[in-house]
Amino acid sequence: MTGRFDAGLQPERTALAWRRTALAVLVGSALLGRLLAPRFGTAALVLAVAGCAAGAALHVAAGARGRRTVRALLRDGHLRAGPGAGLLAATAGVAVLLGVSATVLVLSATHGGILTSR
């Protein structure tokens, strides 16, 4: 079977959605570093770099997921089982980790914690 395997091109739309998500993680992490670095220094930069690395890894993993899906659809004409929720769980985990880390960073500085403002 060659060509389009469905009229709605759902796998392509899903791949684009994952790319937008990866881009949002990258941009959000870069903004986090840009806005928090002047006040919190190295800790904010480490958090931003970790977020950017996670966004890049998400982009690579999403691309591989999309290619596997397209290959399976071209080969069989359908998916026997979905690609799983591993990528979704990893994305949610990264978002929670970055959010909690940024919150701890800000709260520790405003409440006289280990990290204080300059």
PDB file of N, CA and C in Angstrom:
ATOM      1  N   MET A   1       0.847  -1.178   0.000  1.00  0.00           N
ATOM      2  CA  MET A   1       0.000   0.000   0.000  1.00  0.00           C
ATOM      3  C   MET A   1       0.894   1.244   0.000  1.00  0.00           C
ATOM      4  N   THR A   2       0.643   2.152  -0.886  1.00  0.00           N
ATOM      5  CA  THR A   2       1.422   3.378  -0.947  1.00  0.00           C
ATOM      6  C   THR A   2       0.488   4.572  -0.948  1.00  0.00           C
ATOM      7  N   GLY A   3       1.071   5.750  -0.761  1.00  0.00           N
ATOM      8  CA  GLY A   3       0.272   6.976  -0.782  1.00  0.00           C
ATOM      9  C   GLY A   3      -0.380   7.245   0.561  1.00  0.00           C
ATOM     10  N   ARG A   4      -1.427   8.047   0.506  1.00  0.00           N
ATOM     11  CA  ARG A   4      -2.140   8.386   1.735  1.00  0.00           C
ATOM     12  C   ARG A   4      -2.916   7.172   2.231  1.00  0.00           C
ATOM     13  N   PHE A   5      -2.858   6.922   3.525  1.00  0.00           N
ATOM     14  CA  PHE A   5      -3.575   5.797   4.094  1.00  0.00           C
ATOM     15  C   PHE A   5      -4.877   6.232   4.737  1.00  0.00           C
ATOM     16  N   ASP A   6      -5.105   7.536   4.847  1.00  0.00           N
ATOM     17  CA  ASP A   6      -6.388   8.036   5.337  1.00  0.00           C
ATOM     18  C   ASP A   6      -6.622   9.429   4.769  1.00  0.00           C
ATOM     19  N   ALA A   7      -7.882   9.759   4.633  1.00  0.00           N
ATOM     20  CA  ALA A   7      -8.228  11.031   4.009  1.00  0.00           C
ATOM     21  C   ALA A   7      -7.973  12.223   4.935  1.00  0.00           C
ATOM     22  N   GLY A   8      -7.986  12.014   6.237  1.00  0.00           N
ATOM     23  CA  GLY A   8      -7.854  13.131   7.168  1.00  0.00           C
ATOM     24  C   GLY A   8      -6.431  13.467   7.556  1.00  0.00           C
ATOM     25  N   LEU A   9      -5.495  12.614   7.205  1.00  0.00           N
ATOM     26  CA  LEU A   9      -4.077  12.811   7.535  1.00  0.00           C
ATOM     27  C   LEU A   9      -3.846  13.007   9.032  1.00  0.00           C
ATOM     28  N   GLN A  10      -4.549  12.223   9.848  1.00  0.00           N
ATOM     29  CA  GLN A  10      -4.422  12.355  11.299  1.00  0.00           C
ATOM     30  C   GLN A  10      -3.001  12.159  11.809  1.00  0.00           C
ATOM     31  N   PRO A  11      -2.222  11.182  11.309  1.00  0.00           N
ATOM     32  CA  PRO A  11      -0.853  11.041  11.816  1.00  0.00           C
ATOM     33  C   PRO A  11       0.002  12.291  11.582  1.00  0.00           C
ATOM     34  N   GLU A  12      -0.213  12.956  10.448  1.00  0.00           N
ATOM     35  CA  GLU A  12       0.546  14.168  10.163  1.00  0.00           C
ATOM     36  C   GLU A  12       0.145  15.297  11.114  1.00  0.00           C
ATOM     37  N   ARG A  13      -1.142  15.403  11.384  1.00  0.00           N
ATOM     38  CA  ARG A  13      -1.600  16.436  12.326  1.00  0.00           C
ATOM     39  C   ARG A  13      -1.080  16.154  13.739  1.00  0.00           C
ATOM     40  N   THR A  14      -1.054  14.879  14.114  1.00  0.00           N
ATOM     41  CA  THR A  14      -0.530  14.512  15.424  1.00  0.00           C
ATOM     42  C   THR A  14       0.960  14.841  15.516  1.00  0.00           C
ATOM     43  N   ALA A  15       1.709  14.543  14.464  1.00  0.00           N
ATOM     44  CA  ALA A  15       3.143  14.854  14.461  1.00  0.00           C
ATOM     45  C   ALA A  15       3.374  16.361  14.584  1.00  0.00           C
ATOM     46  N   LEU A  16       2.552  17.148  13.902  1.00  0.00           N
ATOM     47  CA  LEU A  16       2.676  18.604  14.017  1.00  0.00           C
ATOM     48  C   LEU A  16       2.346  19.081  15.428  1.00  0.00           C
ATOM     49  N   ALA A  17       1.365  18.465  16.064  1.00  0.00           N
ATOM     50  CA  ALA A  17       1.018  18.837  17.437  1.00  0.00           C
ATOM     51  C   ALA A  17       2.176  18.529  18.389  1.00  0.00           C
ATOM     52  N   TRP A  18       2.835  17.390  18.198  1.00  0.00           N
ATOM     53  CA  TRP A  18       3.989  17.074  19.041  1.00  0.00           C
ATOM     54  C   TRP A  18       5.136  18.047  18.794  1.00  0.00           C
ATOM     55  N   ARG A  19       5.325  18.458  17.558  1.00  0.00           N
ATOM     56  CA  ARG A  19       6.373  19.457  17.272  1.00  0.00           C
ATOM     57  C   ARG A  19       6.058  20.786  17.956  1.00  0.00           C
ATOM     58  N   ARG A  20       4.793  21.197  17.936  1.00  0.00           N
ATOM     59  CA  ARG A  20       4.413  22.437  18.630  1.00  0.00           C
ATOM     60  C   ARG A  20       4.638  22.309  20.133  1.00  0.00           C
ATOM     61  N   THR A  21       4.352  21.145  20.682  1.00  0.00           N
ATOM     62  CA  THR A  21       4.569  20.926  22.113  1.00  0.00           C
ATOM     63  C   THR A  21       6.052  21.010  22.451  1.00  0.00           C
ATOM     64  N   ALA A  22       6.885  20.372  21.648  1.00  0.00           N
ATOM     65  CA  ALA A  22       8.332  20.429  21.879  1.00  0.00           C
ATOM     66  C   ALA A  22       8.839  21.860  21.763  1.00  0.00           C
ATOM     67  N   LEU A  23       8.347  22.594  20.786  1.00  0.00           N
ATOM     68  CA  LEU A  23       8.745  23.988  20.618  1.00  0.00           C
ATOM     69  C   LEU A  23       8.296  24.830  21.813  1.00  0.00           C
ATOM     70  N   ALA A  24       7.104  24.559  22.321  1.00  0.00           N
ATOM     71  CA  ALA A  24       6.610  25.296  23.493  1.00  0.00           C
ATOM     72  C   ALA A  24       7.474  25.030  24.721  1.00  0.00           C
ATOM     73  N   VAL A  25       7.915  23.796  24.903  1.00  0.00           N
ATOM     74  CA  VAL A  25       8.804  23.474  26.029  1.00  0.00           C
ATOM     75  C   VAL A  25      10.131  24.208  25.862  1.00  0.00           C
ATOM     76  N   LEU A  26      10.667  24.202  24.647  1.00  0.00           N
ATOM     77  CA  LEU A  26      11.929  24.898  24.384  1.00  0.00           C
ATOM     78  C   LEU A  26      11.815  26.406  24.631  1.00  0.00           C
ATOM     79  N   VAL A  27      10.801  27.011  24.071  1.00  0.00           N
ATOM     80  CA  VAL A  27      10.628  28.459  24.217  1.00  0.00           C
ATOM     81  C   VAL A  27      10.319  28.826  25.668  1.00  0.00           C
ATOM     82  N   GLY A  28       9.460  28.053  26.315  1.00  0.00           N
ATOM     83  CA  GLY A  28       9.140  28.317  27.721  1.00  0.00           C
ATOM     84  C   GLY A  28      10.367  28.208  28.610  1.00  0.00           C
ATOM     85  N   SER A  29      11.210  27.229  28.347  1.00  0.00           N
ATOM     86  CA  SER A  29      12.432  27.068  29.133  1.00  0.00           C
ATOM     87  C   SER A  29      13.411  28.215  28.894  1.00  0.00           C
ATOM     88  N   ALA A  30      13.528  28.629  27.640  1.00  0.00           N
ATOM     89  CA  ALA A  30      14.412  29.755  27.334  1.00  0.00           C
ATOM     90  C   ALA A  30      13.909  31.035  27.999  1.00  0.00           C
ATOM     91  N   LEU A  31      12.597  31.250  27.974  1.00  0.00           N
ATOM     92  CA  LEU A  31      12.029  32.423  28.651  1.00  0.00           C
ATOM     93  C   LEU A  31      12.228  32.346  30.157  1.00  0.00           C
ATOM     94  N   LEU A  32      12.072  31.154  30.705  1.00  0.00           N
ATOM     95  CA  LEU A  32      12.307  30.957  32.130  1.00  0.00           C
ATOM     96  C   LEU A  32      13.724  31.392  32.493  1.00  0.00           C
ATOM     97  N   GLY A  33      14.692  30.950  31.700  1.00  0.00           N
ATOM     98  CA  GLY A  33      16.076  31.336  31.949  1.00  0.00           C
ATOM     99  C   GLY A  33      16.296  32.827  31.783  1.00  0.00           C
ATOM    100  N   ARG A  34      15.706  33.386  30.751  1.00  0.00           N
ATOM    101  CA  ARG A  34      15.878  34.820  30.481  1.00  0.00           C
ATOM    102  C   ARG A  34      15.281  35.688  31.575  1.00  0.00           C
ATOM    103  N   LEU A  35      14.113  35.317  32.072  1.00  0.00           N
ATOM    104  CA  LEU A  35      13.442  36.137  33.078  1.00  0.00           C
ATOM    105  C   LEU A  35      13.964  35.914  34.496  1.00  0.00           C
ATOM    106  N   LEU A  36      14.352  34.672  34.811  1.00  0.00           N
ATOM    107  CA  LEU A  36      14.778  34.384  36.181  1.00  0.00           C
ATOM    108  C   LEU A  36      16.284  34.496  36.405  1.00  0.00           C
ATOM    109  N   ALA A  37      17.083  34.413  35.349  1.00  0.00           N
ATOM    110  CA  ALA A  37      18.543  34.437  35.514  1.00  0.00           C
ATOM    111  C   ALA A  37      19.071  35.715  36.160  1.00  0.00           C
ATOM    112  N   PRO A  38      18.573  36.896  35.811  1.00  0.00           N
ATOM    113  CA  PRO A  38      19.122  38.093  36.466  1.00  0.00           C
ATOM    114  C   PRO A  38      18.918  38.098  37.985  1.00  0.00           C
ATOM    115  N   ARG A  39      17.854  37.483  38.421  1.00  0.00           N
ATOM    116  CA  ARG A  39      17.575  37.494  39.855  1.00  0.00           C
ATOM    117  C   ARG A  39      18.111  36.267  40.588  1.00  0.00           C
ATOM    118  N   PHE A  40      18.065  35.099  39.937  1.00  0.00           N
ATOM    119  CA  PHE A  40      18.416  33.861  40.622  1.00  0.00           C
ATOM    120  C   PHE A  40      19.704  33.214  40.132  1.00  0.00           C
ATOM    121  N   GLY A  41      20.322  33.790  39.127  1.00  0.00           N
ATOM    122  CA  GLY A  41      21.643  33.358  38.683  1.00  0.00           C
ATOM    123  C   GLY A  41      21.706  31.948  38.110  1.00  0.00           C
ATOM    124  N   THR A  42      22.705  31.215  38.580  1.00  0.00           N
ATOM    125  CA  THR A  42      23.039  29.913  38.019  1.00  0.00           C
ATOM    126  C   THR A  42      21.904  28.908  38.139  1.00  0.00           C
ATOM    127  N   ALA A  43      21.179  28.926  39.244  1.00  0.00           N
ATOM    128  CA  ALA A  43      20.089  27.959  39.430  1.00  0.00           C
ATOM    129  C   ALA A  43      19.045  28.103  38.323  1.00  0.00           C
ATOM    130  N   ALA A  44      18.710  29.312  37.959  1.00  0.00           N
ATOM    131  CA  ALA A  44      17.737  29.534  36.892  1.00  0.00           C
ATOM    132  C   ALA A  44      18.296  29.091  35.542  1.00  0.00           C
ATOM    133  N   LEU A  45      19.574  29.335  35.315  1.00  0.00           N
ATOM    134  CA  LEU A  45      20.179  28.916  34.051  1.00  0.00           C
ATOM    135  C   LEU A  45      20.235  27.397  33.935  1.00  0.00           C
ATOM    136  N   VAL A  46      20.548  26.724  35.032  1.00  0.00           N
ATOM    137  CA  VAL A  46      20.570  25.256  35.019  1.00  0.00           C
ATOM    138  C   VAL A  46      19.179  24.712  34.706  1.00  0.00           C
ATOM    139  N   LEU A  47      18.174  25.289  35.326  1.00  0.00           N
ATOM    140  CA  LEU A  47      16.796  24.877  35.079  1.00  0.00           C
ATOM    141  C   LEU A  47      16.402  25.138  33.621  1.00  0.00           C
ATOM    142  N   ALA A  48      16.801  26.276  33.081  1.00  0.00           N
ATOM    143  CA  ALA A  48      16.479  26.604  31.686  1.00  0.00           C
ATOM    144  C   ALA A  48      17.181  25.661  30.712  1.00  0.00           C
ATOM    145  N   VAL A  49      18.436  25.356  30.965  1.00  0.00           N
ATOM    146  CA  VAL A  49      19.174  24.438  30.088  1.00  0.00           C
ATOM    147  C   VAL A  49      18.560  23.040  30.148  1.00  0.00           C
ATOM    148  N   ALA A  50      18.174  22.603  31.350  1.00  0.00           N
ATOM    149  CA  ALA A  50      17.526  21.294  31.481  1.00  0.00           C
ATOM    150  C   ALA A  50      16.204  21.267  30.708  1.00  0.00           C
ATOM    151  N   GLY A  51      15.445  22.335  30.788  1.00  0.00           N
ATOM    152  CA  GLY A  51      14.194  22.408  30.048  1.00  0.00           C
ATOM    153  C   GLY A  51      14.409  22.414  28.543  1.00  0.00           C
ATOM    154  N   CYS A  52      15.419  23.142  28.087  1.00  0.00           N
ATOM    155  CA  CYS A  52      15.723  23.165  26.653  1.00  0.00           C
ATOM    156  C   CYS A  52      16.175  21.785  26.170  1.00  0.00           C
ATOM    157  N   ALA A  53      16.975  21.104  26.977  1.00  0.00           N
ATOM    158  CA  ALA A  53      17.395  19.744  26.621  1.00  0.00           C
ATOM    159  C   ALA A  53      16.190  18.813  26.567  1.00  0.00           C
ATOM    160  N   ALA A  54      15.272  18.963  27.509  1.00  0.00           N
ATOM    161  CA  ALA A  54      14.067  18.137  27.504  1.00  0.00           C
ATOM    162  C   ALA A  54      13.212  18.436  26.266  1.00  0.00           C
ATOM    163  N   GLY A  55      13.107  19.699  25.883  1.00  0.00           N
ATOM    164  CA  GLY A  55      12.360  20.061  24.687  1.00  0.00           C
ATOM    165  C   GLY A  55      12.984  19.471  23.430  1.00  0.00           C
ATOM    166  N   ALA A  56      14.304  19.506  23.349  1.00  0.00           N
ATOM    167  CA  ALA A  56      14.990  18.925  22.197  1.00  0.00           C
ATOM    168  C   ALA A  56      14.806  17.408  22.158  1.00  0.00           C
ATOM    169  N   ALA A  57      14.906  16.759  23.327  1.00  0.00           N
ATOM    170  CA  ALA A  57      14.697  15.308  23.390  1.00  0.00           C
ATOM    171  C   ALA A  57      13.260  14.951  23.012  1.00  0.00           C
ATOM    172  N   LEU A  58      12.319  15.773  23.437  1.00  0.00           N
ATOM    173  CA  LEU A  58      10.916  15.559  23.085  1.00  0.00           C
ATOM    174  C   LEU A  58      10.718  15.666  21.576  1.00  0.00           C
ATOM    175  N   HIS A  59      11.365  16.618  20.961  1.00  0.00           N
ATOM    176  CA  HIS A  59      11.257  16.785  19.508  1.00  0.00           C
ATOM    177  C   HIS A  59      11.790  15.546  18.785  1.00  0.00           C
ATOM    178  N   VAL A  60      12.932  15.040  19.229  1.00  0.00           N
ATOM    179  CA  VAL A  60      13.519  13.854  18.607  1.00  0.00           C
ATOM    180  C   VAL A  60      12.614  12.636  18.811  1.00  0.00           C
ATOM    181  N   ALA A  61      12.123  12.444  20.050  1.00  0.00           N
ATOM    182  CA  ALA A  61      11.268  11.297  20.348  1.00  0.00           C
ATOM    183  C   ALA A  61       9.947  11.381  19.579  1.00  0.00           C
ATOM    184  N   ALA A  62       9.390  12.561  19.457  1.00  0.00           N
ATOM    185  CA  ALA A  62       8.135  12.731  18.719  1.00  0.00           C
ATOM    186  C   ALA A  62       8.336  12.439  17.237  1.00  0.00           C
ATOM    187  N   GLY A  63       9.471  12.846  16.695  1.00  0.00           N
ATOM    188  CA  GLY A  63       9.764  12.544  15.296  1.00  0.00           C
ATOM    189  C   GLY A  63       9.876  11.047  15.058  1.00  0.00           C
ATOM    190  N   ALA A  64      10.552  10.352  15.973  1.00  0.00           N
ATOM    191  CA  ALA A  64      10.679   8.899  15.844  1.00  0.00           C
ATOM    192  C   ALA A  64       9.312   8.224  15.962  1.00  0.00           C
ATOM    193  N   ARG A  65       8.486   8.721  16.870  1.00  0.00           N
ATOM    194  CA  ARG A  65       7.131   8.181  17.048  1.00  0.00           C
ATOM    195  C   ARG A  65       6.316   8.363  15.768  1.00  0.00           C
ATOM    196  N   GLY A  66       6.402   9.538  15.172  1.00  0.00           N
ATOM    197  CA  GLY A  66       5.671   9.799  13.941  1.00  0.00           C
ATOM    198  C   GLY A  66       6.117   8.902  12.800  1.00  0.00           C
ATOM    199  N   ARG A  67       7.430   8.701  12.688  1.00  0.00           N
ATOM    200  CA  ARG A  67       7.943   7.831  11.628  1.00  0.00           C
ATOM    201  C   ARG A  67       7.495   6.384  11.824  1.00  0.00           C
ATOM    202  N   ARG A  68       7.507   5.902  13.080  1.00  0.00           N
ATOM    203  CA  ARG A  68       7.036   4.538  13.351  1.00  0.00           C
ATOM    204  C   ARG A  68       5.556   4.381  12.986  1.00  0.00           C
ATOM    205  N   THR A  69       4.773   5.384  13.330  1.00  0.00           N
ATOM    206  CA  THR A  69       3.343   5.328  13.024  1.00  0.00           C
ATOM    207  C   THR A  69       3.102   5.286  11.525  1.00  0.00           C
ATOM    208  N   VAL A  70       3.780   6.139  10.782  1.00  0.00           N
ATOM    209  CA  VAL A  70       3.599   6.179   9.325  1.00  0.00           C
ATOM    210  C   VAL A  70       4.059   4.865   8.695  1.00  0.00           C
ATOM    211  N   ARG A  71       5.192   4.335   9.149  1.00  0.00           N
ATOM    212  CA  ARG A  71       5.664   3.051   8.601  1.00  0.00           C
ATOM    213  C   ARG A  71       4.647   1.941   8.845  1.00  0.00           C
ATOM    214  N   ALA A  72       4.097   1.899  10.057  1.00  0.00           N
ATOM    215  CA  ALA A  72       3.111   0.860  10.368  1.00  0.00           C
ATOM    216  C   ALA A  72       1.858   1.023   9.517  1.00  0.00           C
ATOM    217  N   LEU A  73       1.417   2.245   9.328  1.00  0.00           N
ATOM    218  CA  LEU A  73       0.220   2.481   8.524  1.00  0.00           C
ATOM    219  C   LEU A  73       0.459   2.153   7.052  1.00  0.00           C
ATOM    220  N   LEU A  74       1.631   2.489   6.547  1.00  0.00           N
ATOM    221  CA  LEU A  74       1.931   2.169   5.154  1.00  0.00           C
ATOM    222  C   LEU A  74       2.089   0.667   4.952  1.00  0.00           C
ATOM    223  N   ARG A  75       2.640  -0.003   5.951  1.00  0.00           N
ATOM    224  CA  ARG A  75       2.856  -1.444   5.846  1.00  0.00           C
ATOM    225  C   ARG A  75       1.550  -2.220   6.000  1.00  0.00           C
ATOM    226  N   ASP A  76       0.773  -1.896   7.051  1.00  0.00           N
ATOM    227  CA  ASP A  76      -0.418  -2.689   7.375  1.00  0.00           C
ATOM    228  C   ASP A  76      -1.732  -2.009   7.010  1.00  0.00           C
ATOM    229  N   GLY A  77      -1.714  -0.700   6.830  1.00  0.00           N
ATOM    230  CA  GLY A  77      -2.940   0.025   6.539  1.00  0.00           C
ATOM    231  C   GLY A  77      -3.705   0.443   7.790  1.00  0.00           C
ATOM    232  N   HIS A  78      -3.237   0.006   8.948  1.00  0.00           N
ATOM    233  CA  HIS A  78      -3.858   0.370  10.223  1.00  0.00           C
ATOM    234  C   HIS A  78      -2.845   0.134  11.337  1.00  0.00           C
ATOM    235  N   LEU A  79      -3.146   0.641  12.509  1.00  0.00           N
ATOM    236  CA  LEU A  79      -2.304   0.394  13.680  1.00  0.00           C
ATOM    237  C   LEU A  79      -2.938  -0.715  14.497  1.00  0.00           C
ATOM    238  N   ARG A  80      -2.165  -1.729  14.798  1.00  0.00           N
ATOM    239  CA  ARG A  80      -2.687  -2.809  15.639  1.00  0.00           C
ATOM    240  C   ARG A  80      -2.879  -2.308  17.063  1.00  0.00           C
ATOM    241  N   ALA A  81      -1.938  -1.558  17.540  1.00  0.00           N
ATOM    242  CA  ALA A  81      -2.025  -0.961  18.872  1.00  0.00           C
ATOM    243  C   ALA A  81      -1.420   0.427  18.775  1.00  0.00           C
ATOM    244  N   GLY A  82      -1.897   1.326  19.592  1.00  0.00           N
ATOM    245  CA  GLY A  82      -1.355   2.679  19.590  1.00  0.00           C
ATOM    246  C   GLY A  82       0.095   2.694  20.028  1.00  0.00           C
ATOM    247  N   PRO A  83       0.777   3.794  19.779  1.00  0.00           N
ATOM    248  CA  PRO A  83       2.196   3.881  20.121  1.00  0.00           C
ATOM    249  C   PRO A  83       2.446   3.958  21.613  1.00  0.00           C
ATOM    250  N   GLY A  84       1.428   3.979  22.438  1.00  0.00           N
ATOM    251  CA  GLY A  84       1.623   4.000  23.878  1.00  0.00           C
ATOM    252  C   GLY A  84       1.618   5.414  24.434  1.00  0.00           C
ATOM    253  N   ALA A  85       1.634   5.477  25.729  1.00  0.00           N
ATOM    254  CA  ALA A  85       1.537   6.769  26.402  1.00  0.00           C
ATOM    255  C   ALA A  85       2.866   7.204  27.006  1.00  0.00           C
ATOM    256  N   GLY A  86       3.956   6.554  26.634  1.00  0.00           N
ATOM    257  CA  GLY A  86       5.259   6.884  27.201  1.00  0.00           C
ATOM    258  C   GLY A  86       5.680   8.311  26.924  1.00  0.00           C
ATOM    259  N   LEU A  87       5.496   8.760  25.704  1.00  0.00           N
ATOM    260  CA  LEU A  87       5.879  10.124  25.335  1.00  0.00           C
ATOM    261  C   LEU A  87       5.008  11.144  26.059  1.00  0.00           C
ATOM    262  N   LEU A  88       3.732  10.852  26.169  1.00  0.00           N
ATOM    263  CA  LEU A  88       2.824  11.738  26.890  1.00  0.00           C
ATOM    264  C   LEU A  88       3.194  11.809  28.373  1.00  0.00           C
ATOM    265  N   ALA A  89       3.505  10.670  28.974  1.00  0.00           N
ATOM    266  CA  ALA A  89       3.900  10.640  30.390  1.00  0.00           C
ATOM    267  C   ALA A  89       5.207  11.396  30.602  1.00  0.00           C
ATOM    268  N   ALA A  90       6.158  11.235  29.697  1.00  0.00           N
ATOM    269  CA  ALA A  90       7.435  11.944  29.815  1.00  0.00           C
ATOM    270  C   ALA A  90       7.231  13.452  29.696  1.00  0.00           C
ATOM    271  N   THR A  91       6.379  13.873  28.768  1.00  0.00           N
ATOM    272  CA  THR A  91       6.101  15.294  28.596  1.00  0.00           C
ATOM    273  C   THR A  91       5.445  15.882  29.843  1.00  0.00           C
ATOM    274  N   ALA A  92       4.466  15.171  30.386  1.00  0.00           N
ATOM    275  CA  ALA A  92       3.813  15.636  31.613  1.00  0.00           C
ATOM    276  C   ALA A  92       4.797  15.692  32.771  1.00  0.00           C
ATOM    277  N   GLY A  93       5.660  14.697  32.868  1.00  0.00           N
ATOM    278  CA  GLY A  93       6.667  14.682  33.929  1.00  0.00           C
ATOM    279  C   GLY A  93       7.632  15.851  33.838  1.00  0.00           C
ATOM    280  N   VAL A  94       8.076  16.163  32.632  1.00  0.00           N
ATOM    281  CA  VAL A  94       8.974  17.298  32.431  1.00  0.00           C
ATOM    282  C   VAL A  94       8.274  18.603  32.790  1.00  0.00           C
ATOM    283  N   ALA A  95       7.028  18.746  32.376  1.00  0.00           N
ATOM    284  CA  ALA A  95       6.284  19.974  32.676  1.00  0.00           C
ATOM    285  C   ALA A  95       6.110  20.150  34.188  1.00  0.00           C
ATOM    286  N   VAL A  96       5.762  19.085  34.877  1.00  0.00           N
ATOM    287  CA  VAL A  96       5.594  19.159  36.333  1.00  0.00           C
ATOM    288  C   VAL A  96       6.924  19.448  37.006  1.00  0.00           C
ATOM    289  N   LEU A  97       7.978  18.772  36.591  1.00  0.00           N
ATOM    290  CA  LEU A  97       9.294  18.984  37.191  1.00  0.00           C
ATOM    291  C   LEU A  97       9.780  20.421  37.005  1.00  0.00           C
ATOM    292  N   LEU A  98       9.640  20.956  35.800  1.00  0.00           N
ATOM    293  CA  LEU A  98      10.056  22.335  35.552  1.00  0.00           C
ATOM    294  C   LEU A  98       9.200  23.321  36.336  1.00  0.00           C
ATOM    295  N   GLY A  99       7.903  23.088  36.387  1.00  0.00           N
ATOM    296  CA  GLY A  99       7.017  23.982  37.133  1.00  0.00           C
ATOM    297  C   GLY A  99       7.299  23.979  38.621  1.00  0.00           C
ATOM    298  N   VAL A 100       7.462  22.793  39.188  1.00  0.00           N
ATOM    299  CA  VAL A 100       7.758  22.694  40.622  1.00  0.00           C
ATOM    300  C   VAL A 100       9.128  23.306  40.930  1.00  0.00           C
ATOM    301  N   SER A 101      10.113  23.035  40.075  1.00  0.00           N
ATOM    302  CA  SER A 101      11.453  23.592  40.300  1.00  0.00           C
ATOM    303  C   SER A 101      11.438  25.118  40.245  1.00  0.00           C
ATOM    304  N   ALA A 102      10.749  25.679  39.272  1.00  0.00           N
ATOM    305  CA  ALA A 102      10.669  27.140  39.177  1.00  0.00           C
ATOM    306  C   ALA A 102       9.930  27.724  40.373  1.00  0.00           C
ATOM    307  N   THR A 103       8.874  27.058  40.811  1.00  0.00           N
ATOM    308  CA  THR A 103       8.126  27.533  41.977  1.00  0.00           C
ATOM    309  C   THR A 103       8.987  27.504  43.232  1.00  0.00           C
ATOM    310  N   VAL A 104       9.721  26.425  43.432  1.00  0.00           N
ATOM    311  CA  VAL A 104      10.617  26.326  44.595  1.00  0.00           C
ATOM    312  C   VAL A 104      11.684  27.402  44.532  1.00  0.00           C
ATOM    313  N   LEU A 105      12.223  27.634  43.354  1.00  0.00           N
ATOM    314  CA  LEU A 105      13.250  28.660  43.182  1.00  0.00           C
ATOM    315  C   LEU A 105      12.726  30.037  43.571  1.00  0.00           C
ATOM    316  N   VAL A 106      11.562  30.378  43.081  1.00  0.00           N
ATOM    317  CA  VAL A 106      10.991  31.690  43.369  1.00  0.00           C
ATOM    318  C   VAL A 106      10.581  31.802  44.838  1.00  0.00           C
ATOM    319  N   LEU A 107       9.909  30.795  45.366  1.00  0.00           N
ATOM    320  CA  LEU A 107       9.458  30.853  46.757  1.00  0.00           C
ATOM    321  C   LEU A 107      10.617  30.845  47.750  1.00  0.00           C
ATOM    322  N   SER A 108      11.671  30.108  47.445  1.00  0.00           N
ATOM    323  CA  SER A 108      12.798  30.079  48.375  1.00  0.00           C
ATOM    324  C   SER A 108      13.490  31.432  48.439  1.00  0.00           C
ATOM    325  N   ALA A 109      13.481  32.168  47.356  1.00  0.00           N
ATOM    326  CA  ALA A 109      14.105  33.491  47.358  1.00  0.00           C
ATOM    327  C   ALA A 109      13.209  34.514  48.044  1.00  0.00           C
ATOM    328  N   THR A 110      11.918  34.401  47.873  1.00  0.00           N
ATOM    329  CA  THR A 110      11.028  35.401  48.455  1.00  0.00           C
ATOM    330  C   THR A 110      10.746  35.156  49.925  1.00  0.00           C
ATOM    331  N   HIS A 111      11.019  33.949  50.413  1.00  0.00           N
ATOM    332  CA  HIS A 111      10.772  33.641  51.817  1.00  0.00           C
ATOM    333  C   HIS A 111      12.063  33.414  52.595  1.00  0.00           C
ATOM    334  N   GLY A 112      13.165  33.960  52.135  1.00  0.00           N
ATOM    335  CA  GLY A 112      14.425  33.897  52.865  1.00  0.00           C
ATOM    336  C   GLY A 112      15.056  32.518  52.886  1.00  0.00           C
ATOM    337  N   GLY A 113      14.826  31.725  51.870  1.00  0.00           N
ATOM    338  CA  GLY A 113      15.399  30.383  51.810  1.00  0.00           C
ATOM    339  C   GLY A 113      16.870  30.418  51.423  1.00  0.00           C
ATOM    340  N   ILE A 114      17.351  29.303  50.974  1.00  0.00           N
ATOM    341  CA  ILE A 114      18.766  29.161  50.602  1.00  0.00           C
ATOM    342  C   ILE A 114      19.122  30.115  49.456  1.00  0.00           C
ATOM    343  N   LEU A 115      18.249  30.198  48.483  1.00  0.00           N
ATOM    344  CA  LEU A 115      18.493  31.082  47.352  1.00  0.00           C
ATOM    345  C   LEU A 115      17.888  32.440  47.654  1.00  0.00           C
ATOM    346  N   THR A 116      18.678  33.448  47.675  1.00  0.00           N
ATOM    347  CA  THR A 116      18.163  34.784  47.967  1.00  0.00           C
ATOM    348  C   THR A 116      18.381  35.684  46.770  1.00  0.00           C
ATOM    349  N   SER A 117      17.573  36.714  46.688  1.00  0.00           N
ATOM    350  CA  SER A 117      17.717  37.655  45.567  1.00  0.00           C
ATOM    351  C   SER A 117      18.960  38.498  45.742  1.00  0.00           C
ATOM    352  N   ARG A 118      19.416  39.048  44.633  1.00  0.00           N
ATOM    353  CA  ARG A 118      20.634  39.866  44.667  1.00  0.00           C
ATOM    354  C   ARG A 118      20.336  41.286  45.042  1.00  0.00           C
TER     355      ARG A 118
END
